[in-house]
Amino acid sequence: MSRLTKDDGITPVKDIVERKVSDLLIKIERPNCIGSKNCINVAPKLFELDGDQICSFKENTEGIEKEIIVEACSVCPVSALIVIDETSKQIVP
């Protein structure tokens, strides 16, 4: 069982943070994040580490190119970042 899923199989909503950026829905599965900063290295205008050293969204995330978003989420070593496109297709991971 992953850290994200509790013993009863239910994932608490507060453990997943999501935001729509450039027509893409990005989800951060906070319990799975290990704070590697790979995403920040690729997209420093989109992501930052919070006080718990977990990936979070920066305040202003407008105008970030889709290709940068996809690349930043693709480099997560634990697949804690999910990207869903405008057709509701999951493209990362």
Protein backbone atom coordinates (compact mmCIF):
# COMPACT_ATOMS: atom_id res chain seq x y z
CA MET A 1 0.00 0.00 0.00
CA SER A 2 1.41 3.41 -0.92
CA ARG A 3 1.82 6.24 1.54
CA LEU A 4 -0.98 8.00 -0.30
CA THR A 5 -3.62 5.38 0.36
CA LYS A 6 -4.77 4.72 3.90
CA ASP A 7 -5.51 1.21 5.17
CA ASP A 8 -9.18 1.57 4.22
CA GLY A 9 -8.20 2.36 0.60
CA ILE A 10 -9.47 5.94 0.76
CA THR A 11 -7.22 8.83 -0.24
CA PRO A 12 -7.90 11.98 1.78
CA VAL A 13 -8.53 14.97 -0.50
CA LYS A 14 -6.15 17.21 1.46
CA ASP A 15 -3.27 14.91 0.49
CA ILE A 16 -3.77 15.76 -3.20
CA VAL A 17 -3.42 19.37 -4.29
CA GLU A 18 -4.43 20.28 -7.81
CA ARG A 19 -4.40 23.31 -10.05
CA LYS A 20 -5.22 24.04 -13.66
CA VAL A 21 -2.32 25.67 -15.51
CA SER A 22 -2.18 26.25 -19.28
CA ASP A 23 -5.18 23.98 -19.89
CA LEU A 24 -3.51 21.14 -17.97
CA LEU A 25 -4.68 19.81 -14.62
CA ILE A 26 -1.70 19.18 -12.36
CA LYS A 27 -2.05 17.08 -9.23
CA ILE A 28 0.51 16.86 -6.47
CA GLU A 29 0.24 13.69 -4.39
CA ARG A 30 1.83 15.22 -1.32
CA PRO A 31 2.45 12.04 0.74
CA ASN A 32 4.44 10.55 -2.15
CA CYS A 33 6.73 13.56 -2.64
CA ILE A 34 10.30 13.06 -1.41
CA GLY A 35 11.42 16.66 -2.00
CA SER A 36 13.99 15.85 -4.71
CA LYS A 37 13.45 19.28 -6.33
CA ASN A 38 13.68 17.79 -9.83
CA CYS A 39 10.40 19.49 -10.73
CA ILE A 40 11.64 22.81 -9.38
CA ASN A 41 14.85 22.57 -11.39
CA VAL A 42 12.77 22.29 -14.59
CA ALA A 43 9.91 24.65 -13.67
CA PRO A 44 10.96 27.09 -10.94
CA LYS A 45 8.07 29.39 -11.83
CA LEU A 46 5.56 26.61 -11.15
CA PHE A 47 6.81 24.63 -8.15
CA GLU A 48 8.49 25.28 -4.81
CA LEU A 49 9.01 23.33 -1.61
CA ASP A 50 6.78 24.25 1.31
CA GLY A 51 7.77 24.34 4.98
CA ASP A 52 7.53 20.54 5.13
CA GLN A 53 9.93 20.25 2.15
CA ILE A 54 7.09 18.94 -0.02
CA CYS A 55 6.35 20.10 -3.55
CA SER A 56 3.72 22.82 -3.78
CA PHE A 57 2.50 25.33 -6.34
CA LYS A 58 3.88 28.83 -6.43
CA GLU A 59 1.32 31.57 -5.98
CA ASN A 60 1.33 32.88 -9.58
CA THR A 61 1.47 30.07 -12.13
CA GLU A 62 0.13 31.87 -15.19
CA GLY A 63 1.85 31.77 -18.56
CA ILE A 64 3.90 28.60 -18.07
CA GLU A 65 4.33 26.59 -21.27
CA LYS A 66 2.71 23.16 -21.44
CA GLU A 67 5.96 21.51 -22.52
CA ILE A 68 7.72 22.81 -19.41
CA ILE A 69 4.90 21.57 -17.18
CA VAL A 70 4.96 18.10 -18.71
CA GLU A 71 8.75 17.86 -18.49
CA ALA A 72 8.81 19.08 -14.88
CA CYS A 73 6.21 16.53 -13.82
CA SER A 74 7.87 13.74 -15.82
CA VAL A 75 11.16 14.04 -13.92
CA CYS A 76 9.59 13.26 -10.53
CA PRO A 77 11.37 10.11 -9.33
CA VAL A 78 8.35 8.87 -7.36
CA SER A 79 5.53 9.88 -9.75
CA ALA A 80 4.04 12.27 -7.21
CA LEU A 81 3.03 14.65 -10.01
CA ILE A 82 0.15 13.84 -12.33
CA VAL A 83 -0.78 15.76 -15.46
CA ILE A 84 -4.16 15.48 -17.15
CA ASP A 85 -4.75 17.21 -20.48
CA GLU A 86 -7.80 19.11 -21.72
CA THR A 87 -9.37 15.86 -23.03
CA SER A 88 -9.15 14.31 -19.51
CA LYS A 89 -6.34 12.00 -20.60
CA GLN A 90 -3.60 11.41 -18.06
CA ILE A 91 -0.31 12.18 -19.78
CA VAL A 92 2.08 12.00 -16.79
CA PRO A 93 3.05 9.58 -15.40
